[in-house]
Amino acid sequence: MGGLEKIVGEVIEKGGYRVAKAKIKISKFIPKISFDPYSYENVKIKYPLLDKSYELSKQHFWDDTKVFNELLKKYGEPKLTKEEKEALLKILSIIYYGEIVAMLVAAQLLNMVEDMDAKKVLSAQVIEEAKHVTAYQKYLGLLGPIPEIDPNSRCVLDDVLRTNSIALKMVGLHLLTETVAYYLFTALKECFHEPILKALLEYIAKDEAKHVGFARKYLPEVINRISYIEQVRILIKQFIWVFHITASILRLKKSGEILGIDVIKWFERGTKDFLNLAYEIAERTKFSKFVIPKSVSEVLAQKIMSVIRYS
C-alpha cells in the first residue's frame, strides 16, 4: 500500500509542476494585473517616505471602540439642545458619508497603484477610514437619525468613487475632500466644546494628516505617468467639484452659526491649504508649466469666498 501512495505522490508532484508551468505560460495571453506580486523588485523600499508613513500608521494605531466607550463612560451622553443636535448631524453626516467613500476609494487604490510602498500605506488607510466610520456611527447614534447625504457632496464623492483614474481618485480623495473634511472637523474641534466629539476628532485628525501627506509624497509620481489629456480632465473636474462643494458649504452656514462656528472662515483656510498643496505638487511634475497661474486661482478663490460670505 505504501508503494502505491508513493507513486501517486510522485505523479501529483511532477504532474502538478508541469500543469502549473503550462498554466503560467498560457496566462501570458490573458489580461495581466498591473502589479506583479511575485517580482523581486517588491523587496526593495522604493519610496522611503511612504515606508516611514506606513510605520507611523502602526505606531499611532488606536482602538475606536475602546476609545469611544471610555469617553462615553467618562463624560456621559452629549448634553445638547435639539437645535444643536440637528446642526451637528447636518455637518457630521457629510463627513461620515465622506469617510465611507474614503474607505472604499482607498481599497480601490490599493489594488490599482503599482508600487508596494504605496500599497502598504493604502492598506493602513483602509483600516483607519474604517475606524473613522465606526467612530462617527457610534457618535451620531447618540444624536439621532443620520440625515441623507447632501446631494452636492454626493456628486463629488460619486465621481471619486466611480472614476478609473488613479490620479483623479487621489486628487479627489487625498487632495480635495480630505482637506475640506479636515477643516470642517477642525472647526468643530476648536469651536464647539463637546468633550466626546472633541476627543474623537483629535484621534481622527492625526490619521487624516497622514492621508494628505500621502498625496504630497506620492501624487507627483502618479501624475507624471498620465497624459496631457488626462491632466486637462483633472483640471476640469476640479472646477466642477469646487462648484458642488461651494453649494454644500452654503447650506452649512446656518448650522455653523448655531454651533458658534464661522464655516466660511474655516473653508477659506482649507481652500488656501488646498491651493498651496496643489501647486506644491504640480511643481514636482512634468505639468509644472501647464497649470493655471496660482495668482489667478487665488483671485477665483476670493470671488468664491465673497459669494459664500454674502449669500
Protein backbone atom coordinates (compact mmCIF):
# COMPACT_ATOMS: atom_id res chain seq x y z
CA MET A 1 0.00 0.00 0.00
CA GLY A 2 2.87 2.34 0.81
CA GLY A 3 4.37 1.82 -2.65
CA LEU A 4 1.16 2.88 -4.35
CA GLU A 5 0.91 6.03 -2.25
CA LYS A 6 4.50 6.90 -3.15
CA ILE A 7 3.77 6.52 -6.87
CA VAL A 8 0.62 8.65 -6.57
CA GLY A 9 2.59 11.30 -4.68
CA GLU A 10 5.28 11.42 -7.38
CA VAL A 11 2.63 11.72 -10.11
CA ILE A 12 0.94 14.61 -8.27
CA GLU A 13 4.26 16.38 -7.64
CA LYS A 14 5.67 16.06 -11.16
CA GLY A 15 2.34 16.29 -12.97
CA GLY A 16 1.31 19.28 -10.85
CA TYR A 17 4.58 21.03 -11.67
CA ARG A 18 4.03 20.58 -15.43
CA VAL A 19 0.39 21.69 -15.22
CA ALA A 20 1.37 24.79 -13.24
CA LYS A 21 4.16 25.74 -15.68
CA ALA A 22 1.76 25.30 -18.63
CA LYS A 23 -0.88 27.47 -16.92
CA ILE A 24 1.69 30.21 -16.25
CA LYS A 25 2.68 30.21 -19.94
CA ILE A 26 -0.96 30.39 -21.04
CA SER A 27 -1.58 33.27 -18.60
CA LYS A 28 0.69 35.44 -20.75
CA PHE A 29 -2.15 35.63 -23.29
CA ILE A 30 -4.85 36.78 -20.87
CA PRO A 31 -5.22 40.28 -19.36
CA LYS A 32 -2.43 40.97 -16.88
CA ILE A 33 -2.70 42.58 -13.49
CA SER A 34 -0.78 45.86 -13.30
CA PHE A 35 1.14 44.78 -10.19
CA ASP A 36 3.30 41.66 -10.13
CA PRO A 37 3.15 40.27 -6.57
CA TYR A 38 5.94 37.81 -7.36
CA SER A 39 8.56 40.33 -8.51
CA TYR A 40 11.82 40.59 -6.57
CA GLU A 41 11.50 44.37 -7.01
CA ASN A 42 8.87 44.30 -4.27
CA VAL A 43 11.57 43.58 -1.71
CA LYS A 44 13.13 47.00 -2.28
CA ILE A 45 11.98 50.15 -0.50
CA LYS A 46 11.42 52.46 -3.47
CA TYR A 47 9.82 55.33 -1.56
CA PRO A 48 11.38 55.69 1.93
CA LEU A 49 8.93 58.46 2.92
CA LEU A 50 5.98 56.17 2.21
CA ASP A 51 7.59 53.37 4.18
CA LYS A 52 8.01 55.80 7.08
CA SER A 53 4.35 56.81 6.80
CA TYR A 54 3.32 53.15 7.00
CA GLU A 55 5.45 52.70 10.14
CA LEU A 56 3.79 55.77 11.69
CA SER A 57 0.35 54.30 11.00
CA LYS A 58 1.25 51.25 13.06
CA GLN A 59 2.69 53.35 15.89
CA HIS A 60 -0.38 55.63 16.01
CA PHE A 61 -2.96 52.83 15.83
CA TRP A 62 -5.91 53.37 18.17
CA ASP A 63 -8.94 51.23 19.01
CA ASP A 64 -12.02 53.25 18.00
CA THR A 65 -14.47 51.16 20.05
CA LYS A 66 -12.33 51.22 23.18
CA VAL A 67 -11.72 54.97 22.89
CA PHE A 68 -15.42 55.73 22.31
CA ASN A 69 -16.59 53.56 25.23
CA GLU A 70 -14.05 55.13 27.58
CA LEU A 71 -15.13 58.65 26.54
CA LEU A 72 -18.82 57.80 26.94
CA LYS A 73 -18.17 56.37 30.40
CA LYS A 74 -16.15 59.45 31.39
CA TYR A 75 -18.47 62.19 30.06
CA GLY A 76 -21.88 60.57 29.58
CA GLU A 77 -24.11 61.27 26.57
CA PRO A 78 -23.72 64.71 24.92
CA LYS A 79 -25.76 67.39 26.67
CA LEU A 80 -27.03 69.31 23.65
CA THR A 81 -30.20 71.16 22.70
CA LYS A 82 -32.38 69.78 19.92
CA GLU A 83 -31.22 72.62 17.66
CA GLU A 84 -27.55 71.83 18.35
CA LYS A 85 -28.08 68.14 17.67
CA GLU A 86 -29.73 68.85 14.32
CA ALA A 87 -26.97 71.27 13.31
CA LEU A 88 -24.26 68.82 14.36
CA LEU A 89 -25.97 65.96 12.50
CA LYS A 90 -26.07 68.05 9.33
CA ILE A 91 -22.33 68.80 9.41
CA LEU A 92 -21.10 65.46 10.72
CA SER A 93 -23.26 63.43 8.34
CA ILE A 94 -21.37 64.90 5.37
CA ILE A 95 -18.07 63.94 6.99
CA TYR A 96 -19.44 60.49 7.89
CA TYR A 97 -20.52 59.70 4.31
CA GLY A 98 -17.18 61.03 3.12
CA GLU A 99 -15.38 58.60 5.44
CA ILE A 100 -17.32 55.67 3.99
CA VAL A 101 -16.37 56.67 0.45
CA ALA A 102 -12.77 57.29 1.57
CA MET A 103 -12.60 53.72 2.90
CA LEU A 104 -13.92 52.33 -0.41
CA VAL A 105 -11.65 54.51 -2.57
CA ALA A 106 -8.56 53.67 -0.51
CA ALA A 107 -9.42 49.98 -1.02
CA GLN A 108 -9.79 50.57 -4.77
CA LEU A 109 -6.46 52.40 -4.95
CA LEU A 110 -4.77 49.61 -3.00
CA ASN A 111 -5.44 47.31 -5.95
CA MET A 112 -4.72 49.98 -8.60
CA VAL A 113 -1.35 51.50 -7.65
CA GLU A 114 1.78 49.75 -8.90
CA ASP A 115 4.21 50.39 -6.05
CA MET A 116 4.48 48.19 -2.96
CA ASP A 117 5.26 51.12 -0.64
CA ALA A 118 2.08 52.89 -1.74
CA LYS A 119 0.06 49.70 -1.29
CA LYS A 120 1.23 49.39 2.32
CA VAL A 121 0.21 52.98 3.10
CA LEU A 122 -3.19 52.46 1.48
CA SER A 123 -3.75 49.21 3.36
CA ALA A 124 -3.26 51.19 6.57
CA GLN A 125 -5.58 53.93 5.32
CA VAL A 126 -8.38 51.42 4.68
CA ILE A 127 -8.40 50.34 8.32
CA GLU A 128 -8.01 53.95 9.50
CA GLU A 129 -11.03 55.04 7.45
CA ALA A 130 -12.98 52.05 8.81
CA LYS A 131 -12.18 53.24 12.34
CA HIS A 132 -13.41 56.73 11.48
CA VAL A 133 -16.64 55.32 10.04
CA THR A 134 -17.22 53.32 13.22
CA ALA A 135 -16.44 56.28 15.48
CA TYR A 136 -18.88 58.53 13.62
CA GLN A 137 -21.53 55.78 13.58
CA LYS A 138 -21.36 55.49 17.35
CA TYR A 139 -21.32 59.23 17.99
CA LEU A 140 -24.05 60.10 15.50
CA GLY A 141 -26.15 57.35 17.07
CA LEU A 142 -26.20 59.45 20.26
CA LEU A 143 -27.64 62.45 18.40
CA GLY A 144 -30.47 60.97 16.35
CA PRO A 145 -31.23 59.64 12.86
CA ILE A 146 -28.46 60.35 10.34
CA PRO A 147 -29.68 62.66 7.53
CA GLU A 148 -29.46 61.68 3.87
CA ILE A 149 -26.29 62.65 2.06
CA ASP A 150 -26.17 66.25 0.83
CA PRO A 151 -26.73 65.99 -2.97
CA ASN A 152 -23.80 68.22 -3.99
CA SER A 153 -21.44 66.38 -1.66
CA ARG A 154 -22.69 63.14 -3.17
CA CYS A 155 -21.86 64.34 -6.69
CA VAL A 156 -18.21 64.84 -5.68
CA LEU A 157 -17.98 61.57 -3.73
CA ASP A 158 -19.64 59.59 -6.56
CA ASP A 159 -17.16 60.99 -9.08
CA VAL A 160 -14.19 59.97 -6.93
CA LEU A 161 -15.65 56.54 -6.27
CA ARG A 162 -16.54 55.74 -9.89
CA THR A 163 -13.55 57.03 -11.85
CA ASN A 164 -11.00 54.52 -13.13
CA SER A 165 -8.20 57.10 -12.98
CA ILE A 166 -5.71 56.68 -10.13
CA ALA A 167 -4.68 60.34 -10.42
CA LEU A 168 -8.27 61.61 -10.34
CA LYS A 169 -9.12 59.40 -7.36
CA MET A 170 -6.12 60.69 -5.43
CA VAL A 171 -6.78 64.35 -6.31
CA GLY A 172 -10.43 63.95 -5.32
CA LEU A 173 -9.79 61.99 -2.13
CA HIS A 174 -6.37 62.87 -0.71
CA LEU A 175 -6.10 66.41 -2.02
CA LEU A 176 -9.62 67.88 -2.07
CA THR A 177 -12.18 66.06 0.09
CA GLU A 178 -9.70 65.13 2.84
CA THR A 179 -8.65 68.80 3.09
CA VAL A 180 -12.25 70.07 3.23
CA ALA A 181 -13.21 67.42 5.81
CA TYR A 182 -10.11 68.17 7.89
CA TYR A 183 -11.02 71.85 8.20
CA LEU A 184 -14.68 71.09 8.91
CA PHE A 185 -13.90 68.87 11.87
CA THR A 186 -11.02 71.09 12.98
CA ALA A 187 -13.58 73.91 13.20
CA LEU A 188 -15.80 71.64 15.31
CA LYS A 189 -12.87 70.59 17.50
CA GLU A 190 -11.71 74.15 18.11
CA CYS A 191 -15.02 76.00 18.38
CA PHE A 192 -17.66 73.55 19.61
CA HIS A 193 -16.73 72.20 23.02
CA GLU A 194 -18.48 68.85 23.31
CA PRO A 195 -15.87 66.64 25.06
CA ILE A 196 -16.58 63.27 23.40
CA LEU A 197 -16.57 64.73 19.91
CA LYS A 198 -13.52 66.88 20.62
CA ALA A 199 -11.52 63.87 21.84
CA LEU A 200 -12.60 61.65 18.91
CA LEU A 201 -11.63 64.33 16.42
CA GLU A 202 -8.17 64.60 17.99
CA TYR A 203 -7.56 60.95 17.09
CA ILE A 204 -9.09 61.26 13.63
CA ALA A 205 -7.10 64.42 12.82
CA LYS A 206 -3.79 62.56 13.24
CA ASP A 207 -4.89 59.93 10.73
CA GLU A 208 -6.17 62.49 8.23
CA ALA A 209 -2.89 64.40 8.34
CA LYS A 210 -1.12 61.21 7.20
CA HIS A 211 -3.60 60.78 4.34
CA VAL A 212 -2.97 64.28 3.00
CA GLY A 213 0.75 63.62 3.46
CA PHE A 214 0.40 60.58 1.21
CA ALA A 215 -0.72 62.88 -1.62
CA ARG A 216 2.26 65.16 -1.03
CA LYS A 217 4.67 62.22 -1.20
CA TYR A 218 3.16 60.03 -3.93
CA LEU A 219 0.76 62.03 -6.12
CA PRO A 220 3.57 63.70 -8.16
CA GLU A 221 4.76 60.21 -9.15
CA VAL A 222 1.22 59.25 -10.23
CA ILE A 223 0.66 62.47 -12.19
CA ASN A 224 3.96 62.07 -14.03
CA ARG A 225 2.58 58.85 -15.51
CA ILE A 226 -0.58 60.37 -17.04
CA SER A 227 -1.16 62.10 -20.38
CA TYR A 228 -1.80 65.78 -21.07
CA ILE A 229 -5.40 64.92 -21.94
CA GLU A 230 -5.84 63.28 -18.54
CA GLN A 231 -4.34 66.36 -16.86
CA VAL A 232 -6.89 68.59 -18.62
CA ARG A 233 -9.65 66.26 -17.45
CA ILE A 234 -8.43 66.56 -13.85
CA LEU A 235 -8.39 70.38 -14.07
CA ILE A 236 -11.96 70.44 -15.43
CA LYS A 237 -13.15 68.04 -12.73
CA GLN A 238 -11.68 70.25 -10.03
CA PHE A 239 -13.75 73.22 -11.25
CA ILE A 240 -16.88 71.05 -11.19
CA TRP A 241 -16.08 69.77 -7.71
CA VAL A 242 -15.46 73.30 -6.40
CA PHE A 243 -18.93 74.27 -7.64
CA HIS A 244 -20.54 71.36 -5.75
CA ILE A 245 -18.50 71.93 -2.57
CA THR A 246 -19.41 75.64 -2.63
CA ALA A 247 -23.11 74.72 -2.83
CA SER A 248 -22.70 72.33 0.12
CA ILE A 249 -20.85 74.90 2.24
CA LEU A 250 -23.57 77.49 1.61
CA ARG A 251 -26.11 75.09 3.15
CA LEU A 252 -23.90 74.60 6.23
CA LYS A 253 -23.71 78.29 7.19
CA LYS A 254 -26.82 78.23 9.40
CA SER A 255 -25.75 75.02 11.15
CA GLY A 256 -22.36 76.54 11.78
CA GLU A 257 -23.90 79.65 13.31
CA ILE A 258 -25.95 77.51 15.71
CA LEU A 259 -22.77 75.78 16.87
CA GLY A 260 -20.75 79.00 17.07
CA ILE A 261 -18.62 78.16 14.04
CA ASP A 262 -17.72 80.53 11.23
CA VAL A 263 -17.91 77.90 8.47
CA ILE A 264 -16.76 80.40 5.83
CA LYS A 265 -13.59 81.32 7.73
CA TRP A 266 -12.60 77.69 8.11
CA PHE A 267 -13.49 76.88 4.49
CA GLU A 268 -11.31 79.79 3.42
CA ARG A 269 -8.39 78.36 5.41
CA GLY A 270 -8.96 74.96 3.83
CA THR A 271 -9.05 76.48 0.36
CA LYS A 272 -5.71 78.22 0.93
CA ASP A 273 -4.14 74.99 2.13
CA PHE A 274 -5.58 73.10 -0.83
CA LEU A 275 -4.16 75.62 -3.32
CA ASN A 276 -0.75 75.65 -1.65
CA LEU A 277 -0.55 71.86 -1.64
CA ALA A 278 -1.89 71.54 -5.19
CA TYR A 279 0.71 73.94 -6.58
CA GLU A 280 3.48 72.38 -4.49
CA ILE A 281 2.63 69.00 -6.04
CA ALA A 282 2.26 70.45 -9.55
CA GLU A 283 5.77 71.95 -9.33
CA ARG A 284 7.16 68.43 -8.95
CA THR A 285 5.51 67.07 -12.09
CA LYS A 286 6.02 67.30 -15.85
CA PHE A 287 2.98 69.62 -15.95
CA SER A 288 4.63 72.34 -13.84
CA LYS A 289 4.35 74.79 -16.76
CA PHE A 290 0.92 73.53 -17.76
CA VAL A 291 -1.16 74.89 -14.87
CA ILE A 292 -3.38 77.86 -14.24
CA PRO A 293 -1.21 80.61 -12.63
CA LYS A 294 -1.54 80.48 -8.86
CA SER A 295 -2.43 84.19 -8.74
CA VAL A 296 -5.43 83.51 -10.99
CA SER A 297 -6.56 80.59 -8.79
CA GLU A 298 -6.26 82.77 -5.70
CA VAL A 299 -8.41 85.51 -7.27
CA LEU A 300 -11.04 82.91 -8.24
CA ALA A 301 -10.96 81.53 -4.69
CA GLN A 302 -11.51 85.02 -3.27
CA LYS A 303 -14.50 85.54 -5.57
CA ILE A 304 -15.99 82.23 -4.43
CA MET A 305 -15.49 83.25 -0.78
CA SER A 306 -17.27 86.54 -1.44
CA VAL A 307 -20.22 84.70 -2.97
CA ILE A 308 -20.44 82.35 0.02
CA ARG A 309 -19.95 85.06 2.64
CA TYR A 310 -22.61 87.43 1.27
CA SER A 311 -25.19 84.84 0.20
